[in-house]
Amino acid sequence: MKAPVDVIMGNLDEFRSEAVLRIVERMRGVTVRRVRSTNHLIGKRLARAVADAVLTPSHPGVSEDGVALSGRAQYVQATLV
């Protein structure tokens, strides 16, 4: 992958596939974010995680020049402020 990819999902999502996520987590440039206590519907916590991913100036797994560094999963606990 040349561009960083964020996969954001709730840990209670009825449509997730753990087998597929394990494969996706190993891909370079892909960050998987699991938001606690959310399902497939976009509520406040999931919306906050999506907004944070979009508004964050630099991807956590990307260097300054935009090269993907790691495909490890990033587990994020989204909290309401």
PDB file of N, CA and C in Angstrom:
ATOM      1  N   MET A   1       0.832  -1.167   0.000  1.00  0.00           N
ATOM      2  CA  MET A   1       0.000   0.000   0.000  1.00  0.00           C
ATOM      3  C   MET A   1       0.880   1.235   0.000  1.00  0.00           C
ATOM      4  N   LYS A   2       0.499   2.208  -0.780  1.00  0.00           N
ATOM      5  CA  LYS A   2       1.250   3.458  -0.810  1.00  0.00           C
ATOM      6  C   LYS A   2       0.636   4.507   0.093  1.00  0.00           C
ATOM      7  N   ALA A   3      -0.637   4.388   0.393  1.00  0.00           N
ATOM      8  CA  ALA A   3      -1.307   5.347   1.277  1.00  0.00           C
ATOM      9  C   ALA A   3      -1.683   4.646   2.577  1.00  0.00           C
ATOM     10  N   PRO A   4      -1.597   5.359   3.688  1.00  0.00           N
ATOM     11  CA  PRO A   4      -2.001   4.739   4.955  1.00  0.00           C
ATOM     12  C   PRO A   4      -3.502   4.480   4.991  1.00  0.00           C
ATOM     13  N   VAL A   5      -3.896   3.388   5.622  1.00  0.00           N
ATOM     14  CA  VAL A   5      -5.307   2.991   5.708  1.00  0.00           C
ATOM     15  C   VAL A   5      -5.656   2.768   7.171  1.00  0.00           C
ATOM     16  N   ASP A   6      -6.784   3.324   7.592  1.00  0.00           N
ATOM     17  CA  ASP A   6      -7.304   3.096   8.935  1.00  0.00           C
ATOM     18  C   ASP A   6      -8.584   2.278   8.827  1.00  0.00           C
ATOM     19  N   VAL A   7      -8.647   1.175   9.541  1.00  0.00           N
ATOM     20  CA  VAL A   7      -9.870   0.386   9.656  1.00  0.00           C
ATOM     21  C   VAL A   7     -10.380   0.628  11.073  1.00  0.00           C
ATOM     22  N   ILE A   8     -11.556   1.231  11.183  1.00  0.00           N
ATOM     23  CA  ILE A   8     -12.110   1.582  12.484  1.00  0.00           C
ATOM     24  C   ILE A   8     -13.409   0.824  12.664  1.00  0.00           C
ATOM     25  N   MET A   9     -13.492   0.096  13.764  1.00  0.00           N
ATOM     26  CA  MET A   9     -14.699  -0.705  14.001  1.00  0.00           C
ATOM     27  C   MET A   9     -14.957  -0.817  15.492  1.00  0.00           C
ATOM     28  N   GLY A  10     -16.204  -1.093  15.813  1.00  0.00           N
ATOM     29  CA  GLY A  10     -16.560  -1.320  17.205  1.00  0.00           C
ATOM     30  C   GLY A  10     -16.236  -2.751  17.595  1.00  0.00           C
ATOM     31  N   ASN A  11     -15.846  -2.951  18.839  1.00  0.00           N
ATOM     32  CA  ASN A  11     -15.500  -4.311  19.260  1.00  0.00           C
ATOM     33  C   ASN A  11     -16.743  -5.199  19.396  1.00  0.00           C
ATOM     34  N   LEU A  12     -17.932  -4.617  19.347  1.00  0.00           N
ATOM     35  CA  LEU A  12     -19.173  -5.395  19.390  1.00  0.00           C
ATOM     36  C   LEU A  12     -19.845  -5.471  18.018  1.00  0.00           C
ATOM     37  N   ASP A  13     -19.136  -5.091  16.968  1.00  0.00           N
ATOM     38  CA  ASP A  13     -19.691  -5.063  15.616  1.00  0.00           C
ATOM     39  C   ASP A  13     -20.112  -6.466  15.180  1.00  0.00           C
ATOM     40  N   GLU A  14     -21.359  -6.589  14.786  1.00  0.00           N
ATOM     41  CA  GLU A  14     -21.913  -7.890  14.394  1.00  0.00           C
ATOM     42  C   GLU A  14     -21.357  -8.379  13.063  1.00  0.00           C
ATOM     43  N   PHE A  15     -20.789  -7.485  12.257  1.00  0.00           N
ATOM     44  CA  PHE A  15     -20.342  -7.838  10.909  1.00  0.00           C
ATOM     45  C   PHE A  15     -18.828  -8.023  10.793  1.00  0.00           C
ATOM     46  N   ARG A  16     -18.108  -7.957  11.888  1.00  0.00           N
ATOM     47  CA  ARG A  16     -16.659  -8.101  11.813  1.00  0.00           C
ATOM     48  C   ARG A  16     -16.279  -9.577  11.650  1.00  0.00           C
ATOM     49  N   SER A  17     -15.157  -9.784  11.037  1.00  0.00           N
ATOM     50  CA  SER A  17     -14.618 -11.123  10.865  1.00  0.00           C
ATOM     51  C   SER A  17     -13.215 -11.129  11.454  1.00  0.00           C
ATOM     52  N   GLU A  18     -13.037 -11.821  12.557  1.00  0.00           N
ATOM     53  CA  GLU A  18     -11.739 -11.837  13.236  1.00  0.00           C
ATOM     54  C   GLU A  18     -10.641 -12.413  12.337  1.00  0.00           C
ATOM     55  N   ALA A  19     -10.971 -13.406  11.531  1.00  0.00           N
ATOM     56  CA  ALA A  19      -9.969 -14.003  10.645  1.00  0.00           C
ATOM     57  C   ALA A  19      -9.479 -12.983   9.613  1.00  0.00           C
ATOM     58  N   VAL A  20     -10.391 -12.241   9.038  1.00  0.00           N
ATOM     59  CA  VAL A  20     -10.012 -11.222   8.054  1.00  0.00           C
ATOM     60  C   VAL A  20      -9.225 -10.099   8.730  1.00  0.00           C
ATOM     61  N   LEU A  21      -9.640  -9.704   9.920  1.00  0.00           N
ATOM     62  CA  LEU A  21      -8.937  -8.633  10.632  1.00  0.00           C
ATOM     63  C   LEU A  21      -7.507  -9.024  10.973  1.00  0.00           C
ATOM     64  N   ARG A  22      -7.267 -10.276  11.312  1.00  0.00           N
ATOM     65  CA  ARG A  22      -5.898 -10.721  11.599  1.00  0.00           C
ATOM     66  C   ARG A  22      -5.013 -10.573  10.364  1.00  0.00           C
ATOM     67  N   ILE A  23      -5.574 -10.846   9.195  1.00  0.00           N
ATOM     68  CA  ILE A  23      -4.814 -10.692   7.949  1.00  0.00           C
ATOM     69  C   ILE A  23      -4.571  -9.214   7.670  1.00  0.00           C
ATOM     70  N   VAL A  24      -5.606  -8.397   7.807  1.00  0.00           N
ATOM     71  CA  VAL A  24      -5.504  -6.965   7.519  1.00  0.00           C
ATOM     72  C   VAL A  24      -4.516  -6.293   8.475  1.00  0.00           C
ATOM     73  N   GLU A  25      -4.503  -6.712   9.740  1.00  0.00           N
ATOM     74  CA  GLU A  25      -3.599  -6.124  10.736  1.00  0.00           C
ATOM     75  C   GLU A  25      -2.127  -6.306  10.370  1.00  0.00           C
ATOM     76  N   ARG A  26      -1.813  -7.331   9.631  1.00  0.00           N
ATOM     77  CA  ARG A  26      -0.424  -7.619   9.259  1.00  0.00           C
ATOM     78  C   ARG A  26       0.043  -6.833   8.050  1.00  0.00           C
ATOM     79  N   MET A  27      -0.874  -6.196   7.361  1.00  0.00           N
ATOM     80  CA  MET A  27      -0.514  -5.450   6.157  1.00  0.00           C
ATOM     81  C   MET A  27       0.208  -4.154   6.531  1.00  0.00           C
ATOM     82  N   ARG A  28       1.248  -3.851   5.799  1.00  0.00           N
ATOM     83  CA  ARG A  28       2.014  -2.629   6.036  1.00  0.00           C
ATOM     84  C   ARG A  28       1.162  -1.417   5.677  1.00  0.00           C
ATOM     85  N   GLY A  29       1.164  -0.412   6.542  1.00  0.00           N
ATOM     86  CA  GLY A  29       0.422   0.809   6.275  1.00  0.00           C
ATOM     87  C   GLY A  29      -1.031   0.767   6.706  1.00  0.00           C
ATOM     88  N   VAL A  30      -1.442  -0.343   7.318  1.00  0.00           N
ATOM     89  CA  VAL A  30      -2.826  -0.480   7.766  1.00  0.00           C
ATOM     90  C   VAL A  30      -2.862  -0.447   9.287  1.00  0.00           C
ATOM     91  N   THR A  31      -3.747   0.383   9.820  1.00  0.00           N
ATOM     92  CA  THR A  31      -3.949   0.471  11.262  1.00  0.00           C
ATOM     93  C   THR A  31      -5.384   0.068  11.557  1.00  0.00           C
ATOM     94  N   VAL A  32      -5.561  -0.907  12.418  1.00  0.00           N
ATOM     95  CA  VAL A  32      -6.898  -1.345  12.825  1.00  0.00           C
ATOM     96  C   VAL A  32      -7.173  -0.742  14.197  1.00  0.00           C
ATOM     97  N   ARG A  33      -8.273  -0.039  14.297  1.00  0.00           N
ATOM     98  CA  ARG A  33      -8.667   0.580  15.562  1.00  0.00           C
ATOM     99  C   ARG A  33      -9.977  -0.031  16.003  1.00  0.00           C
ATOM    100  N   ARG A  34      -9.958  -0.596  17.198  1.00  0.00           N
ATOM    101  CA  ARG A  34     -11.177  -1.165  17.776  1.00  0.00           C
ATOM    102  C   ARG A  34     -11.668  -0.215  18.855  1.00  0.00           C
ATOM    103  N   VAL A  35     -12.908   0.204  18.732  1.00  0.00           N
ATOM    104  CA  VAL A  35     -13.482   1.146  19.686  1.00  0.00           C
ATOM    105  C   VAL A  35     -14.351   0.351  20.649  1.00  0.00           C
ATOM    106  N   ARG A  36     -14.069   0.482  21.924  1.00  0.00           N
ATOM    107  CA  ARG A  36     -14.782  -0.294  22.943  1.00  0.00           C
ATOM    108  C   ARG A  36     -16.253   0.094  23.046  1.00  0.00           C
ATOM    109  N   SER A  37     -17.055  -0.900  23.340  1.00  0.00           N
ATOM    110  CA  SER A  37     -18.492  -0.733  23.630  1.00  0.00           C
ATOM    111  C   SER A  37     -19.276  -0.115  22.488  1.00  0.00           C
ATOM    112  N   THR A  38     -18.900  -0.413  21.251  1.00  0.00           N
ATOM    113  CA  THR A  38     -19.669   0.074  20.103  1.00  0.00           C
ATOM    114  C   THR A  38     -19.947  -1.076  19.157  1.00  0.00           C
ATOM    115  N   ASN A  39     -21.026  -0.939  18.417  1.00  0.00           N
ATOM    116  CA  ASN A  39     -21.381  -1.966  17.437  1.00  0.00           C
ATOM    117  C   ASN A  39     -21.238  -1.386  16.031  1.00  0.00           C
ATOM    118  N   HIS A  40     -22.018  -1.880  15.072  1.00  0.00           N
ATOM    119  CA  HIS A  40     -21.885  -1.468  13.687  1.00  0.00           C
ATOM    120  C   HIS A  40     -22.454  -0.071  13.438  1.00  0.00           C
ATOM    121  N   LEU A  41     -23.360   0.377  14.281  1.00  0.00           N
ATOM    122  CA  LEU A  41     -23.958   1.699  14.108  1.00  0.00           C
ATOM    123  C   LEU A  41     -22.989   2.780  14.568  1.00  0.00           C
ATOM    124  N   ILE A  42     -22.963   3.887  13.866  1.00  0.00           N
ATOM    125  CA  ILE A  42     -22.045   4.961  14.216  1.00  0.00           C
ATOM    126  C   ILE A  42     -22.667   5.830  15.300  1.00  0.00           C
ATOM    127  N   GLY A  43     -22.179   5.634  16.514  1.00  0.00           N
ATOM    128  CA  GLY A  43     -22.601   6.439  17.655  1.00  0.00           C
ATOM    129  C   GLY A  43     -21.524   7.458  17.978  1.00  0.00           C
ATOM    130  N   LYS A  44     -21.622   8.071  19.155  1.00  0.00           N
ATOM    131  CA  LYS A  44     -20.679   9.126  19.531  1.00  0.00           C
ATOM    132  C   LYS A  44     -19.239   8.625  19.631  1.00  0.00           C
ATOM    133  N   ARG A  45     -19.028   7.473  20.230  1.00  0.00           N
ATOM    134  CA  ARG A  45     -17.663   6.959  20.393  1.00  0.00           C
ATOM    135  C   ARG A  45     -17.029   6.621  19.054  1.00  0.00           C
ATOM    136  N   LEU A  46     -17.774   5.929  18.198  1.00  0.00           N
ATOM    137  CA  LEU A  46     -17.231   5.551  16.897  1.00  0.00           C
ATOM    138  C   LEU A  46     -17.012   6.791  16.030  1.00  0.00           C
ATOM    139  N   ALA A  47     -17.943   7.735  16.090  1.00  0.00           N
ATOM    140  CA  ALA A  47     -17.791   8.980  15.333  1.00  0.00           C
ATOM    141  C   ALA A  47     -16.556   9.743  15.793  1.00  0.00           C
ATOM    142  N   ARG A  48     -16.292   9.755  17.097  1.00  0.00           N
ATOM    143  CA  ARG A  48     -15.118  10.437  17.635  1.00  0.00           C
ATOM    144  C   ARG A  48     -13.838   9.776  17.112  1.00  0.00           C
ATOM    145  N   ALA A  49     -13.810   8.448  17.071  1.00  0.00           N
ATOM    146  CA  ALA A  49     -12.629   7.732  16.571  1.00  0.00           C
ATOM    147  C   ALA A  49     -12.395   8.017  15.088  1.00  0.00           C
ATOM    148  N   VAL A  50     -13.472   8.079  14.303  1.00  0.00           N
ATOM    149  CA  VAL A  50     -13.347   8.394  12.879  1.00  0.00           C
ATOM    150  C   VAL A  50     -12.850   9.826  12.709  1.00  0.00           C
ATOM    151  N   ALA A  51     -13.431  10.762  13.457  1.00  0.00           N
ATOM    152  CA  ALA A  51     -13.008  12.161  13.370  1.00  0.00           C
ATOM    153  C   ALA A  51     -11.541  12.312  13.757  1.00  0.00           C
ATOM    154  N   ASP A  52     -11.112  11.622  14.809  1.00  0.00           N
ATOM    155  CA  ASP A  52      -9.708  11.684  15.221  1.00  0.00           C
ATOM    156  C   ASP A  52      -8.786  11.148  14.135  1.00  0.00           C
ATOM    157  N   ALA A  53      -9.190  10.071  13.471  1.00  0.00           N
ATOM    158  CA  ALA A  53      -8.369   9.493  12.404  1.00  0.00           C
ATOM    159  C   ALA A  53      -8.268  10.437  11.212  1.00  0.00           C
ATOM    160  N   VAL A  54      -9.365  11.108  10.902  1.00  0.00           N
ATOM    161  CA  VAL A  54      -9.379  12.021   9.751  1.00  0.00           C
ATOM    162  C   VAL A  54      -8.623  13.313  10.062  1.00  0.00           C
ATOM    163  N   LEU A  55      -8.771  13.816  11.273  1.00  0.00           N
ATOM    164  CA  LEU A  55      -8.197  15.114  11.624  1.00  0.00           C
ATOM    165  C   LEU A  55      -6.760  15.053  12.128  1.00  0.00           C
ATOM    166  N   THR A  56      -6.269  13.849  12.422  1.00  0.00           N
ATOM    167  CA  THR A  56      -4.891  13.721  12.883  1.00  0.00           C
ATOM    168  C   THR A  56      -3.953  14.023  11.720  1.00  0.00           C
ATOM    169  N   PRO A  57      -3.031  14.984  11.887  1.00  0.00           N
ATOM    170  CA  PRO A  57      -2.181  15.389  10.765  1.00  0.00           C
ATOM    171  C   PRO A  57      -1.245  14.306  10.257  1.00  0.00           C
ATOM    172  N   SER A  58      -0.736  13.458  11.132  1.00  0.00           N
ATOM    173  CA  SER A  58       0.160  12.399  10.667  1.00  0.00           C
ATOM    174  C   SER A  58      -0.360  11.054  11.139  1.00  0.00           C
ATOM    175  N   HIS A  59      -0.316  10.098  10.252  1.00  0.00           N
ATOM    176  CA  HIS A  59      -0.734   8.738  10.551  1.00  0.00           C
ATOM    177  C   HIS A  59       0.276   8.125  11.505  1.00  0.00           C
ATOM    178  N   PRO A  60      -0.170   7.418  12.574  1.00  0.00           N
ATOM    179  CA  PRO A  60       0.785   6.895  13.553  1.00  0.00           C
ATOM    180  C   PRO A  60       1.792   5.904  12.992  1.00  0.00           C
ATOM    181  N   GLY A  61       1.492   5.254  11.886  1.00  0.00           N
ATOM    182  CA  GLY A  61       2.419   4.283  11.321  1.00  0.00           C
ATOM    183  C   GLY A  61       3.139   4.775  10.089  1.00  0.00           C
ATOM    184  N   VAL A  62       3.233   6.115   9.936  1.00  0.00           N
ATOM    185  CA  VAL A  62       3.835   6.673   8.729  1.00  0.00           C
ATOM    186  C   VAL A  62       4.921   7.671   9.117  1.00  0.00           C
ATOM    187  N   SER A  63       6.013   7.622   8.401  1.00  0.00           N
ATOM    188  CA  SER A  63       7.107   8.552   8.675  1.00  0.00           C
ATOM    189  C   SER A  63       6.773   9.927   8.112  1.00  0.00           C
ATOM    190  N   GLU A  64       7.677  10.874   8.324  1.00  0.00           N
ATOM    191  CA  GLU A  64       7.466  12.252   7.870  1.00  0.00           C
ATOM    192  C   GLU A  64       7.267  12.340   6.354  1.00  0.00           C
ATOM    193  N   ASP A  65       7.930  11.473   5.593  1.00  0.00           N
ATOM    194  CA  ASP A  65       7.811  11.546   4.142  1.00  0.00           C
ATOM    195  C   ASP A  65       6.664  10.684   3.601  1.00  0.00           C
ATOM    196  N   GLY A  66       5.824  10.151   4.477  1.00  0.00           N
ATOM    197  CA  GLY A  66       4.640   9.423   4.040  1.00  0.00           C
ATOM    198  C   GLY A  66       4.838   7.942   3.783  1.00  0.00           C
ATOM    199  N   VAL A  67       5.968   7.388   4.169  1.00  0.00           N
ATOM    200  CA  VAL A  67       6.230   5.967   3.960  1.00  0.00           C
ATOM    201  C   VAL A  67       5.655   5.166   5.125  1.00  0.00           C
ATOM    202  N   ALA A  68       4.888   4.138   4.803  1.00  0.00           N
ATOM    203  CA  ALA A  68       4.295   3.302   5.850  1.00  0.00           C
ATOM    204  C   ALA A  68       5.384   2.542   6.580  1.00  0.00           C
ATOM    205  N   LEU A  69       5.316   2.567   7.919  1.00  0.00           N
ATOM    206  CA  LEU A  69       6.350   1.929   8.725  1.00  0.00           C
ATOM    207  C   LEU A  69       5.923   0.612   9.353  1.00  0.00           C
ATOM    208  N   SER A  70       4.658   0.489   9.710  1.00  0.00           N
ATOM    209  CA  SER A  70       4.252  -0.684  10.454  1.00  0.00           C
ATOM    210  C   SER A  70       2.814  -1.050  10.130  1.00  0.00           C
ATOM    211  N   GLY A  71       2.524  -2.321  10.124  1.00  0.00           N
ATOM    212  CA  GLY A  71       1.167  -2.784   9.903  1.00  0.00           C
ATOM    213  C   GLY A  71       0.532  -3.333  11.169  1.00  0.00           C
ATOM    214  N   ARG A  72       1.190  -3.123  12.307  1.00  0.00           N
ATOM    215  CA  ARG A  72       0.636  -3.645  13.559  1.00  0.00           C
ATOM    216  C   ARG A  72      -0.648  -2.940  13.920  1.00  0.00           C
ATOM    217  N   ALA A  73      -1.514  -3.664  14.568  1.00  0.00           N
ATOM    218  CA  ALA A  73      -2.800  -3.099  14.960  1.00  0.00           C
ATOM    219  C   ALA A  73      -2.626  -2.098  16.085  1.00  0.00           C
ATOM    220  N   GLN A  74      -3.418  -1.060  16.032  1.00  0.00           N
ATOM    221  CA  GLN A  74      -3.412  -0.078  17.102  1.00  0.00           C
ATOM    222  C   GLN A  74      -4.778  -0.143  17.772  1.00  0.00           C
ATOM    223  N   TYR A  75      -4.765  -0.505  19.019  1.00  0.00           N
ATOM    224  CA  TYR A  75      -6.017  -0.631  19.743  1.00  0.00           C
ATOM    225  C   TYR A  75      -6.285   0.675  20.458  1.00  0.00           C
ATOM    226  N   VAL A  76      -7.367   1.266  20.123  1.00  0.00           N
ATOM    227  CA  VAL A  76      -7.685   2.574  20.659  1.00  0.00           C
ATOM    228  C   VAL A  76      -8.950   2.488  21.502  1.00  0.00           C
ATOM    229  N   GLN A  77      -8.862   3.029  22.679  1.00  0.00           N
ATOM    230  CA  GLN A  77     -10.066   3.133  23.500  1.00  0.00           C
ATOM    231  C   GLN A  77     -10.578   4.552  23.338  1.00  0.00           C
ATOM    232  N   ALA A  78     -11.647   4.686  22.560  1.00  0.00           N
ATOM    233  CA  ALA A  78     -12.220   6.006  22.350  1.00  0.00           C
ATOM    234  C   ALA A  78     -13.021   6.416  23.574  1.00  0.00           C
ATOM    235  N   THR A  79     -12.812   7.626  23.971  1.00  0.00           N
ATOM    236  CA  THR A  79     -13.540   8.130  25.136  1.00  0.00           C
ATOM    237  C   THR A  79     -14.256   9.409  24.765  1.00  0.00           C
ATOM    238  N   LEU A  80     -15.340   9.652  25.416  1.00  0.00           N
ATOM    239  CA  LEU A  80     -16.077  10.897  25.202  1.00  0.00           C
ATOM    240  C   LEU A  80     -15.490  11.986  26.077  1.00  0.00           C
ATOM    241  N   VAL A  81     -15.321  13.118  25.505  1.00  0.00           N
ATOM    242  CA  VAL A  81     -14.757  14.243  26.265  1.00  0.00           C
ATOM    243  C   VAL A  81     -15.870  15.087  26.815  1.00  0.00           C
TER     244      VAL A  81
END
